Amino acid sequence: MHALNSIDVQVGTCLRKMRFQRGWFVHTLAKAIGVTSARLLEFESGETRIEPRIMSEMCRALGVPPSAFFAWIPNGSMNATPARHKLDAA
């Protein structure tokens, strides 16, 4: 078993809280975003990283912007200029 990524765990925790706040069962949200209940539980636990397409479906179903999944990050931390990486020529 691989170590869980702390960001994936935090995003999953936010997802679970949003689902609970709406009183939705796992299968309700899973069906709304087009995944199995087992897959949704993997997202919520941080075992599986949420793909952009799925994140988009989650935002639509939950009625939240993507930033809602990162509300745990202190203000200003996401505004930092990302490091630039030089791509190797193939």
Protein backbone atom coordinates (compact mmCIF):
# COMPACT_ATOMS: atom_id res chain seq x y z
CA MET A 1 0.00 0.00 0.00
CA HIS A 2 1.31 3.48 -0.85
CA ALA A 3 1.50 6.44 1.50
CA LEU A 4 -1.37 8.87 1.20
CA ASN A 5 -0.67 12.36 -0.08
CA SER A 6 -1.66 14.96 2.54
CA ILE A 7 -3.22 17.27 -0.07
CA ASP A 8 -5.36 14.44 -1.47
CA VAL A 9 -6.49 13.61 2.08
CA GLN A 10 -7.41 17.26 2.81
CA VAL A 11 -9.32 17.61 -0.48
CA GLY A 12 -11.14 14.35 0.26
CA THR A 13 -12.02 15.59 3.75
CA CYS A 14 -13.51 18.76 2.23
CA LEU A 15 -15.49 16.64 -0.22
CA ARG A 16 -16.89 14.48 2.58
CA LYS A 17 -17.85 17.56 4.64
CA MET A 18 -19.68 19.10 1.67
CA ARG A 19 -21.56 15.84 1.09
CA PHE A 20 -22.50 15.59 4.77
CA GLN A 21 -23.62 19.24 4.87
CA ARG A 22 -26.11 18.44 2.11
CA GLY A 23 -27.29 15.26 3.81
CA TRP A 24 -26.37 13.18 0.76
CA PHE A 25 -25.61 9.49 0.83
CA VAL A 26 -22.47 8.26 -0.91
CA HIS A 27 -24.47 6.74 -3.75
CA THR A 28 -26.34 10.03 -4.34
CA LEU A 29 -23.20 12.03 -5.07
CA ALA A 30 -21.50 9.11 -6.83
CA LYS A 31 -24.39 8.82 -9.27
CA ALA A 32 -24.46 12.60 -9.82
CA ILE A 33 -20.78 12.66 -10.82
CA GLY A 34 -20.74 9.38 -12.74
CA VAL A 35 -18.56 7.19 -10.50
CA THR A 36 -19.16 4.20 -8.27
CA SER A 37 -19.77 4.58 -4.55
CA ALA A 38 -16.49 2.76 -3.92
CA ARG A 39 -14.59 5.25 -6.08
CA LEU A 40 -16.19 8.20 -4.29
CA LEU A 41 -15.11 6.73 -0.94
CA GLU A 42 -11.55 6.45 -2.31
CA PHE A 43 -11.67 10.16 -3.20
CA GLU A 44 -13.02 11.06 0.24
CA SER A 45 -10.29 9.10 2.03
CA GLY A 46 -7.52 10.50 -0.16
CA GLU A 47 -6.65 7.05 -1.51
CA THR A 48 -7.33 8.19 -5.07
CA ARG A 49 -6.49 11.60 -6.51
CA ILE A 50 -9.47 13.41 -8.03
CA GLU A 51 -9.10 13.92 -11.77
CA PRO A 52 -9.94 17.36 -13.22
CA ARG A 53 -12.98 16.01 -15.10
CA ILE A 54 -14.36 14.46 -11.91
CA MET A 55 -13.57 17.63 -9.92
CA SER A 56 -15.58 19.59 -12.47
CA GLU A 57 -18.54 17.22 -12.05
CA MET A 58 -18.25 17.48 -8.25
CA CYS A 59 -18.30 21.28 -8.43
CA ARG A 60 -21.37 21.19 -10.68
CA ALA A 61 -23.23 18.71 -8.47
CA LEU A 62 -22.33 20.42 -5.20
CA GLY A 63 -22.75 23.95 -6.54
CA VAL A 64 -19.31 25.08 -5.41
CA PRO A 65 -16.22 26.50 -7.13
CA PRO A 66 -13.03 24.38 -7.24
CA SER A 67 -11.51 26.66 -4.59
CA ALA A 68 -14.00 25.23 -2.06
CA PHE A 69 -11.91 22.06 -2.00
CA PHE A 70 -8.87 24.08 -0.93
CA ALA A 71 -10.49 26.25 1.75
CA TRP A 72 -8.11 24.76 4.33
CA ILE A 73 -5.11 26.53 2.71
CA PRO A 74 -4.27 29.83 4.46
CA ASN A 75 -5.15 32.97 2.48
CA GLY A 76 -2.43 34.02 0.10
CA SER A 77 -0.74 30.63 -0.10
CA MET A 78 -2.37 29.80 -3.42
CA ASN A 79 -1.45 33.18 -4.91
CA ALA A 80 2.27 32.48 -4.95
CA THR A 81 3.92 32.36 -8.34
CA PRO A 82 4.41 28.73 -9.32
CA ALA A 83 7.95 27.55 -9.98
CA ARG A 84 8.79 27.25 -13.64
CA HIS A 85 10.18 23.93 -14.79
CA LYS A 86 12.14 23.48 -17.96
CA LEU A 87 10.79 20.63 -20.02
CA ASP A 88 13.30 18.18 -21.42
CA ALA A 89 13.28 17.88 -25.19
CA ALA A 90 12.42 14.38 -26.29
